């Protein structure tokens, strides 16, 4: 279909084909490959942005709770716990 917008080439490899088939099986959609890829990209971008916002909100809530409750984080102890055991 003619369009004034530039096109993006996507390789239709087996992994993409399987992903599209899984979506079709789960949703019953009969969209053409290009339409389905476009829709999934647009919707997936929004989902990813929302997930990023939720992660930031969770981090901010954690830090606020730590400040409110006087939680002290001992980074030296954490480093010791995460370091490999001594071979001595």
PDB file of N, CA and C in Angstrom:
ATOM      1  N   UNK A   1       0.843  -1.168   0.000  1.00  0.00           N
ATOM      2  CA  UNK A   1       0.000   0.000   0.000  1.00  0.00           C
ATOM      3  C   UNK A   1       0.893   1.237   0.000  1.00  0.00           C
ATOM      4  N   UNK A   2       0.636   2.207  -0.838  1.00  0.00           N
ATOM      5  CA  UNK A   2       1.449   3.416  -0.886  1.00  0.00           C
ATOM      6  C   UNK A   2       1.369   4.176   0.440  1.00  0.00           C
ATOM      7  N   UNK A   3       2.489   4.791   0.793  1.00  0.00           N
ATOM      8  CA  UNK A   3       2.545   5.561   2.030  1.00  0.00           C
ATOM      9  C   UNK A   3       3.554   6.672   1.886  1.00  0.00           C
ATOM     10  N   UNK A   4       3.306   7.795   2.549  1.00  0.00           N
ATOM     11  CA  UNK A   4       4.265   8.891   2.544  1.00  0.00           C
ATOM     12  C   UNK A   4       5.339   8.677   3.609  1.00  0.00           C
ATOM     13  N   UNK A   5       5.164   7.682   4.453  1.00  0.00           N
ATOM     14  CA  UNK A   5       6.103   7.405   5.536  1.00  0.00           C
ATOM     15  C   UNK A   5       7.175   6.411   5.079  1.00  0.00           C
ATOM     16  N   UNK A   6       8.402   6.576   5.573  1.00  0.00           N
ATOM     17  CA  UNK A   6       9.449   5.609   5.210  1.00  0.00           C
ATOM     18  C   UNK A   6       9.122   4.229   5.779  1.00  0.00           C
ATOM     19  N   UNK A   7       9.630   3.221   5.136  1.00  0.00           N
ATOM     20  CA  UNK A   7       9.389   1.846   5.568  1.00  0.00           C
ATOM     21  C   UNK A   7      10.585   1.319   6.347  1.00  0.00           C
ATOM     22  N   UNK A   8      10.333   0.312   7.170  1.00  0.00           N
ATOM     23  CA  UNK A   8      11.376  -0.352   7.940  1.00  0.00           C
ATOM     24  C   UNK A   8      11.381  -1.814   7.531  1.00  0.00           C
ATOM     25  N   UNK A   9      12.535  -2.297   7.109  1.00  0.00           N
ATOM     26  CA  UNK A   9      12.639  -3.708   6.711  1.00  0.00           C
ATOM     27  C   UNK A   9      12.836  -4.567   7.959  1.00  0.00           C
ATOM     28  N   UNK A  10      12.077  -5.625   8.050  1.00  0.00           N
ATOM     29  CA  UNK A  10      12.203  -6.590   9.145  1.00  0.00           C
ATOM     30  C   UNK A  10      12.383  -7.956   8.508  1.00  0.00           C
ATOM     31  N   UNK A  11      13.414  -8.663   8.914  1.00  0.00           N
ATOM     32  CA  UNK A  11      13.674  -9.991   8.363  1.00  0.00           C
ATOM     33  C   UNK A  11      12.679 -10.989   8.941  1.00  0.00           C
ATOM     34  N   UNK A  12      11.992 -11.677   8.073  1.00  0.00           N
ATOM     35  CA  UNK A  12      10.999 -12.666   8.494  1.00  0.00           C
ATOM     36  C   UNK A  12      11.692 -13.997   8.749  1.00  0.00           C
ATOM     37  N   UNK A  13      12.473 -14.035   9.828  1.00  0.00           N
ATOM     38  CA  UNK A  13      13.185 -15.269  10.169  1.00  0.00           C
ATOM     39  C   UNK A  13      12.255 -16.210  10.936  1.00  0.00           C
ATOM     40  N   UNK A  14      12.681 -17.440  11.188  1.00  0.00           N
ATOM     41  CA  UNK A  14      11.815 -18.401  11.878  1.00  0.00           C
ATOM     42  C   UNK A  14      11.359 -17.923  13.258  1.00  0.00           C
ATOM     43  N   UNK A  15      12.215 -17.230  13.990  1.00  0.00           N
ATOM     44  CA  UNK A  15      11.842 -16.751  15.325  1.00  0.00           C
ATOM     45  C   UNK A  15      10.680 -15.764  15.250  1.00  0.00           C
ATOM     46  N   UNK A  16      10.746 -14.832  14.293  1.00  0.00           N
ATOM     47  CA  UNK A  16       9.652 -13.872  14.126  1.00  0.00           C
ATOM     48  C   UNK A  16       8.385 -14.601  13.678  1.00  0.00           C
ATOM     49  N   UNK A  17       8.513 -15.517  12.749  1.00  0.00           N
ATOM     50  CA  UNK A  17       7.353 -16.278  12.285  1.00  0.00           C
ATOM     51  C   UNK A  17       6.669 -17.030  13.412  1.00  0.00           C
ATOM     52  N   UNK A  18       7.465 -17.657  14.270  1.00  0.00           N
ATOM     53  CA  UNK A  18       6.898 -18.392  15.413  1.00  0.00           C
ATOM     54  C   UNK A  18       6.213 -17.443  16.387  1.00  0.00           C
ATOM     55  N   UNK A  19       6.827 -16.275  16.613  1.00  0.00           N
ATOM     56  CA  UNK A  19       6.220 -15.297  17.515  1.00  0.00           C
ATOM     57  C   UNK A  19       4.875 -14.825  16.973  1.00  0.00           C
ATOM     58  N   UNK A  20       4.817 -14.534  15.696  1.00  0.00           N
ATOM     59  CA  UNK A  20       3.561 -14.093  15.097  1.00  0.00           C
ATOM     60  C   UNK A  20       2.499 -15.192  15.163  1.00  0.00           C
ATOM     61  N   UNK A  21       2.914 -16.419  14.930  1.00  0.00           N
ATOM     62  CA  UNK A  21       1.959 -17.532  15.013  1.00  0.00           C
ATOM     63  C   UNK A  21       1.440 -17.712  16.438  1.00  0.00           C
ATOM     64  N   UNK A  22       2.312 -17.517  17.440  1.00  0.00           N
ATOM     65  CA  UNK A  22       1.863 -17.622  18.844  1.00  0.00           C
ATOM     66  C   UNK A  22       0.826 -16.546  19.147  1.00  0.00           C
ATOM     67  N   UNK A  23       1.062 -15.334  18.648  1.00  0.00           N
ATOM     68  CA  UNK A  23       0.097 -14.252  18.867  1.00  0.00           C
ATOM     69  C   UNK A  23      -1.212 -14.571  18.170  1.00  0.00           C
ATOM     70  N   UNK A  24      -1.130 -15.056  16.943  1.00  0.00           N
ATOM     71  CA  UNK A  24      -2.362 -15.399  16.216  1.00  0.00           C
ATOM     72  C   UNK A  24      -3.138 -16.509  16.932  1.00  0.00           C
ATOM     73  N   UNK A  25      -2.424 -17.515  17.421  1.00  0.00           N
ATOM     74  CA  UNK A  25      -3.094 -18.618  18.115  1.00  0.00           C
ATOM     75  C   UNK A  25      -3.749 -18.137  19.407  1.00  0.00           C
ATOM     76  N   UNK A  26      -3.084 -17.218  20.103  1.00  0.00           N
ATOM     77  CA  UNK A  26      -3.602 -16.740  21.386  1.00  0.00           C
ATOM     78  C   UNK A  26      -4.738 -15.737  21.228  1.00  0.00           C
ATOM     79  N   UNK A  27      -4.711 -14.950  20.148  1.00  0.00           N
ATOM     80  CA  UNK A  27      -5.685 -13.869  20.011  1.00  0.00           C
ATOM     81  C   UNK A  27      -6.725 -14.100  18.921  1.00  0.00           C
ATOM     82  N   UNK A  28      -6.422 -14.984  17.983  1.00  0.00           N
ATOM     83  CA  UNK A  28      -7.341 -15.213  16.877  1.00  0.00           C
ATOM     84  C   UNK A  28      -7.253 -14.153  15.793  1.00  0.00           C
ATOM     85  N   UNK A  29      -6.279 -13.254  15.897  1.00  0.00           N
ATOM     86  CA  UNK A  29      -6.160 -12.202  14.888  1.00  0.00           C
ATOM     87  C   UNK A  29      -5.814 -12.793  13.532  1.00  0.00           C
ATOM     88  N   UNK A  30      -6.298 -12.140  12.488  1.00  0.00           N
ATOM     89  CA  UNK A  30      -5.984 -12.560  11.128  1.00  0.00           C
ATOM     90  C   UNK A  30      -5.265 -11.445  10.376  1.00  0.00           C
ATOM     91  N   UNK A  31      -4.628 -10.531  11.134  1.00  0.00           N
ATOM     92  CA  UNK A  31      -3.911  -9.417  10.518  1.00  0.00           C
ATOM     93  C   UNK A  31      -2.765  -9.928   9.656  1.00  0.00           C
ATOM     94  N   UNK A  32      -2.466  -9.183   8.628  1.00  0.00           N
ATOM     95  CA  UNK A  32      -1.297  -9.484   7.803  1.00  0.00           C
ATOM     96  C   UNK A  32      -0.053  -9.308   8.658  1.00  0.00           C
ATOM     97  N   UNK A  33       1.015  -9.995   8.273  1.00  0.00           N
ATOM     98  CA  UNK A  33       2.258  -9.932   9.044  1.00  0.00           C
ATOM     99  C   UNK A  33       2.689  -8.499   9.328  1.00  0.00           C
ATOM    100  N   UNK A  34       2.753  -7.656   8.300  1.00  0.00           N
ATOM    101  CA  UNK A  34       3.231  -6.285   8.468  1.00  0.00           C
ATOM    102  C   UNK A  34       2.347  -5.504   9.440  1.00  0.00           C
ATOM    103  N   UNK A  35       1.044  -5.669   9.333  1.00  0.00           N
ATOM    104  CA  UNK A  35       0.124  -4.972  10.234  1.00  0.00           C
ATOM    105  C   UNK A  35       0.285  -5.449  11.660  1.00  0.00           C
ATOM    106  N   UNK A  36       0.451  -6.750  11.823  1.00  0.00           N
ATOM    107  CA  UNK A  36       0.609  -7.317  13.161  1.00  0.00           C
ATOM    108  C   UNK A  36       1.930  -6.880  13.781  1.00  0.00           C
ATOM    109  N   UNK A  37       3.010  -6.887  13.002  1.00  0.00           N
ATOM    110  CA  UNK A  37       4.312  -6.447  13.518  1.00  0.00           C
ATOM    111  C   UNK A  37       4.230  -4.983  13.939  1.00  0.00           C
ATOM    112  N   UNK A  38       3.595  -4.147  13.124  1.00  0.00           N
ATOM    113  CA  UNK A  38       3.469  -2.733  13.467  1.00  0.00           C
ATOM    114  C   UNK A  38       2.684  -2.554  14.758  1.00  0.00           C
ATOM    115  N   UNK A  39       1.546  -3.206  14.862  1.00  0.00           N
ATOM    116  CA  UNK A  39       0.706  -3.079  16.057  1.00  0.00           C
ATOM    117  C   UNK A  39       1.451  -3.545  17.298  1.00  0.00           C
ATOM    118  N   UNK A  40       2.134  -4.680  17.190  1.00  0.00           N
ATOM    119  CA  UNK A  40       2.877  -5.193  18.341  1.00  0.00           C
ATOM    120  C   UNK A  40       4.016  -4.255  18.736  1.00  0.00           C
ATOM    121  N   UNK A  41       4.662  -3.630  17.776  1.00  0.00           N
ATOM    122  CA  UNK A  41       5.739  -2.679  18.078  1.00  0.00           C
ATOM    123  C   UNK A  41       5.189  -1.460  18.818  1.00  0.00           C
ATOM    124  N   UNK A  42       4.082  -0.920  18.335  1.00  0.00           N
ATOM    125  CA  UNK A  42       3.496   0.267  18.963  1.00  0.00           C
ATOM    126  C   UNK A  42       2.994  -0.073  20.364  1.00  0.00           C
ATOM    127  N   UNK A  43       2.251  -1.167  20.494  1.00  0.00           N
ATOM    128  CA  UNK A  43       1.729  -1.555  21.806  1.00  0.00           C
ATOM    129  C   UNK A  43       2.857  -1.973  22.744  1.00  0.00           C
ATOM    130  N   UNK A  44       3.860  -2.663  22.212  1.00  0.00           N
ATOM    131  CA  UNK A  44       4.989  -3.093  23.026  1.00  0.00           C
ATOM    132  C   UNK A  44       5.789  -1.919  23.552  1.00  0.00           C
ATOM    133  N   UNK A  45       5.924  -0.872  22.753  1.00  0.00           N
ATOM    134  CA  UNK A  45       6.635   0.324  23.210  1.00  0.00           C
ATOM    135  C   UNK A  45       5.914   0.937  24.404  1.00  0.00           C
ATOM    136  N   UNK A  46       4.614   1.024  24.346  1.00  0.00           N
ATOM    137  CA  UNK A  46       3.853   1.584  25.463  1.00  0.00           C
ATOM    138  C   UNK A  46       3.984   0.717  26.710  1.00  0.00           C
ATOM    139  N   UNK A  47       3.924  -0.584  26.545  1.00  0.00           N
ATOM    140  CA  UNK A  47       4.080  -1.497  27.687  1.00  0.00           C
ATOM    141  C   UNK A  47       5.461  -1.323  28.310  1.00  0.00           C
ATOM    142  N   UNK A  48       6.490  -1.215  27.489  1.00  0.00           N
ATOM    143  CA  UNK A  48       7.854  -1.044  27.994  1.00  0.00           C
ATOM    144  C   UNK A  48       8.001   0.277  28.743  1.00  0.00           C
ATOM    145  N   UNK A  49       7.420   1.351  28.219  1.00  0.00           N
ATOM    146  CA  UNK A  49       7.476   2.642  28.906  1.00  0.00           C
ATOM    147  C   UNK A  49       6.754   2.586  30.247  1.00  0.00           C
ATOM    148  N   UNK A  50       5.601   1.941  30.290  1.00  0.00           N
ATOM    149  CA  UNK A  50       4.869   1.795  31.553  1.00  0.00           C
ATOM    150  C   UNK A  50       5.675   0.975  32.557  1.00  0.00           C
ATOM    151  N   UNK A  51       6.314  -0.081  32.104  1.00  0.00           N
ATOM    152  CA  UNK A  51       7.134  -0.910  33.000  1.00  0.00           C
ATOM    153  C   UNK A  51       8.284  -0.088  33.575  1.00  0.00           C
ATOM    154  N   UNK A  52       8.903   0.747  32.751  1.00  0.00           N
ATOM    155  CA  UNK A  52       9.979   1.612  33.230  1.00  0.00           C
ATOM    156  C   UNK A  52       9.486   2.590  34.286  1.00  0.00           C
ATOM    157  N   UNK A  53       8.290   3.163  34.060  1.00  0.00           N
ATOM    158  CA  UNK A  53       7.715   4.085  35.053  1.00  0.00           C
ATOM    159  C   UNK A  53       7.426   3.358  36.359  1.00  0.00           C
ATOM    160  N   UNK A  54       6.893   2.138  36.260  1.00  0.00           N
ATOM    161  CA  UNK A  54       6.598   1.369  37.479  1.00  0.00           C
ATOM    162  C   UNK A  54       7.881   1.021  38.233  1.00  0.00           C
ATOM    163  N   UNK A  55       8.959   0.690  37.498  1.00  0.00           N
ATOM    164  CA  UNK A  55      10.232   0.403  38.167  1.00  0.00           C
ATOM    165  C   UNK A  55      10.746   1.632  38.907  1.00  0.00           C
ATOM    166  N   UNK A  56      10.690   2.796  38.244  1.00  0.00           N
ATOM    167  CA  UNK A  56      11.144   4.028  38.903  1.00  0.00           C
ATOM    168  C   UNK A  56      10.295   4.347  40.129  1.00  0.00           C
ATOM    169  N   UNK A  57       8.974   4.166  40.023  1.00  0.00           N
ATOM    170  CA  UNK A  57       8.093   4.420  41.163  1.00  0.00           C
ATOM    171  C   UNK A  57       8.404   3.472  42.313  1.00  0.00           C
ATOM    172  N   UNK A  58       8.685   2.216  42.002  1.00  0.00           N
ATOM    173  CA  UNK A  58       9.013   1.240  43.044  1.00  0.00           C
ATOM    174  C   UNK A  58      10.319   1.604  43.733  1.00  0.00           C
ATOM    175  N   UNK A  59      11.299   2.032  42.958  1.00  0.00           N
ATOM    176  CA  UNK A  59      12.587   2.439  43.537  1.00  0.00           C
ATOM    177  C   UNK A  59      12.395   3.653  44.434  1.00  0.00           C
ATOM    178  N   UNK A  60      11.634   4.637  43.961  1.00  0.00           N
ATOM    179  CA  UNK A  60      11.388   5.827  44.770  1.00  0.00           C
ATOM    180  C   UNK A  60      10.652   5.469  46.060  1.00  0.00           C
ATOM    181  N   UNK A  61       9.680   4.563  45.975  1.00  0.00           N
ATOM    182  CA  UNK A  61       8.952   4.139  47.172  1.00  0.00           C
ATOM    183  C   UNK A  61       9.873   3.403  48.144  1.00  0.00           C
ATOM    184  N   UNK A  62      10.765   2.587  47.617  1.00  0.00           N
ATOM    185  CA  UNK A  62      11.707   1.867  48.469  1.00  0.00           C
ATOM    186  C   UNK A  62      12.629   2.837  49.201  1.00  0.00           C
ATOM    187  N   UNK A  63      13.177   3.802  48.460  1.00  0.00           N
ATOM    188  CA  UNK A  63      14.061   4.781  49.098  1.00  0.00           C
ATOM    189  C   UNK A  63      13.303   5.631  50.119  1.00  0.00           C
ATOM    190  N   UNK A  64      12.069   5.992  49.818  1.00  0.00           N
ATOM    191  CA  UNK A  64      11.266   6.770  50.767  1.00  0.00           C
ATOM    192  C   UNK A  64      11.027   5.968  52.037  1.00  0.00           C
ATOM    193  N   UNK A  65      10.725   4.673  51.896  1.00  0.00           N
ATOM    194  CA  UNK A  65      10.512   3.820  53.065  1.00  0.00           C
ATOM    195  C   UNK A  65      11.804   3.672  53.865  1.00  0.00           C
ATOM    196  N   UNK A  66      12.924   3.537  53.155  1.00  0.00           N
ATOM    197  CA  UNK A  66      14.210   3.416  53.850  1.00  0.00           C
ATOM    198  C   UNK A  66      14.507   4.691  54.638  1.00  0.00           C
ATOM    199  N   UNK A  67      14.243   5.854  54.040  1.00  0.00           N
ATOM    200  CA  UNK A  67      14.475   7.119  54.733  1.00  0.00           C
ATOM    201  C   UNK A  67      13.541   7.278  55.921  1.00  0.00           C
ATOM    202  N   UNK A  68      12.274   6.938  55.717  1.00  0.00           N
ATOM    203  CA  UNK A  68      11.258   7.099  56.753  1.00  0.00           C
ATOM    204  C   UNK A  68      11.542   6.196  57.949  1.00  0.00           C
ATOM    205  N   UNK A  69      11.980   4.967  57.686  1.00  0.00           N
ATOM    206  CA  UNK A  69      12.194   3.998  58.752  1.00  0.00           C
ATOM    207  C   UNK A  69      13.621   3.997  59.286  1.00  0.00           C
ATOM    208  N   UNK A  70      14.449   4.899  58.787  1.00  0.00           N
ATOM    209  CA  UNK A  70      15.820   4.967  59.270  1.00  0.00           C
ATOM    210  C   UNK A  70      16.646   3.753  58.894  1.00  0.00           C
ATOM    211  N   UNK A  71      16.315   3.123  57.797  1.00  0.00           N
ATOM    212  CA  UNK A  71      17.044   1.943  57.332  1.00  0.00           C
ATOM    213  C   UNK A  71      18.427   2.353  56.857  1.00  0.00           C
ATOM    214  N   UNK A  72      19.441   1.699  57.379  1.00  0.00           N
ATOM    215  CA  UNK A  72      20.801   2.004  56.958  1.00  0.00           C
ATOM    216  C   UNK A  72      21.336   0.845  56.140  1.00  0.00           C
ATOM    217  N   UNK A  73      21.916   1.176  55.034  1.00  0.00           N
ATOM    218  CA  UNK A  73      22.466   0.190  54.118  1.00  0.00           C
ATOM    219  C   UNK A  73      23.975   0.187  54.270  1.00  0.00           C
ATOM    220  N   UNK A  74      24.531  -0.934  54.701  1.00  0.00           N
ATOM    221  CA  UNK A  74      25.978  -1.047  54.886  1.00  0.00           C
ATOM    222  C   UNK A  74      26.582  -1.662  53.629  1.00  0.00           C
ATOM    223  N   UNK A  75      27.067  -0.798  52.744  1.00  0.00           N
ATOM    224  CA  UNK A  75      27.592  -1.265  51.462  1.00  0.00           C
ATOM    225  C   UNK A  75      28.826  -2.142  51.644  1.00  0.00           C
ATOM    226  N   UNK A  76      29.644  -1.879  52.651  1.00  0.00           N
ATOM    227  CA  UNK A  76      30.830  -2.711  52.899  1.00  0.00           C
ATOM    228  C   UNK A  76      30.404  -4.135  53.247  1.00  0.00           C
ATOM    229  N   UNK A  77      29.374  -4.284  54.085  1.00  0.00           N
ATOM    230  CA  UNK A  77      28.881  -5.630  54.419  1.00  0.00           C
ATOM    231  C   UNK A  77      28.322  -6.336  53.191  1.00  0.00           C
ATOM    232  N   UNK A  78      27.609  -5.603  52.358  1.00  0.00           N
ATOM    233  CA  UNK A  78      27.049  -6.195  51.139  1.00  0.00           C
ATOM    234  C   UNK A  78      28.177  -6.650  50.220  1.00  0.00           C
ATOM    235  N   UNK A  79      29.216  -5.830  50.085  1.00  0.00           N
ATOM    236  CA  UNK A  79      30.369  -6.225  49.268  1.00  0.00           C
ATOM    237  C   UNK A  79      31.021  -7.493  49.814  1.00  0.00           C
ATOM    238  N   UNK A  80      31.162  -7.577  51.122  1.00  0.00           N
ATOM    239  CA  UNK A  80      31.763  -8.784  51.723  1.00  0.00           C
ATOM    240  C   UNK A  80      30.894 -10.012  51.462  1.00  0.00           C
ATOM    241  N   UNK A  81      29.590  -9.860  51.570  1.00  0.00           N
ATOM    242  CA  UNK A  81      28.684 -10.989  51.322  1.00  0.00           C
ATOM    243  C   UNK A  81      28.741 -11.454  49.871  1.00  0.00           C
ATOM    244  N   UNK A  82      28.956 -10.517  48.952  1.00  0.00           N
ATOM    245  CA  UNK A  82      28.960 -10.842  47.530  1.00  0.00           C
ATOM    246  C   UNK A  82      30.329 -11.234  46.991  1.00  0.00           C
ATOM    247  N   UNK A  83      31.364 -11.086  47.803  1.00  0.00           N
ATOM    248  CA  UNK A  83      32.692 -11.429  47.306  1.00  0.00           C
ATOM    249  C   UNK A  83      32.912 -12.934  47.375  1.00  0.00           C
ATOM    250  N   UNK A  84      33.762 -13.469  46.507  1.00  0.00           N
ATOM    251  CA  UNK A  84      34.027 -14.907  46.529  1.00  0.00           C
ATOM    252  C   UNK A  84      34.716 -15.292  47.831  1.00  0.00           C
ATOM    253  N   UNK A  85      34.522 -16.519  48.276  1.00  0.00           N
ATOM    254  CA  UNK A  85      35.154 -16.953  49.532  1.00  0.00           C
ATOM    255  C   UNK A  85      36.677 -16.918  49.412  1.00  0.00           C
ATOM    256  N   UNK A  86      37.297 -16.643  50.517  1.00  0.00           N
ATOM    257  CA  UNK A  86      38.762 -16.603  50.572  1.00  0.00           C
ATOM    258  C   UNK A  86      39.303 -18.009  50.454  1.00  0.00           C
ATOM    259  N   UNK A  87      40.414 -18.155  49.720  1.00  0.00           N
ATOM    260  CA  UNK A  87      41.008 -19.491  49.547  1.00  0.00           C
ATOM    261  C   UNK A  87      42.083 -19.767  50.597  1.00  0.00           C
ATOM    262  N   UNK A  88      42.190 -18.890  51.582  1.00  0.00           N
ATOM    263  CA  UNK A  88      43.221 -19.057  52.612  1.00  0.00           C
ATOM    264  C   UNK A  88      42.751 -19.998  53.678  1.00  0.00           C
TER     265      UNK A  88
END
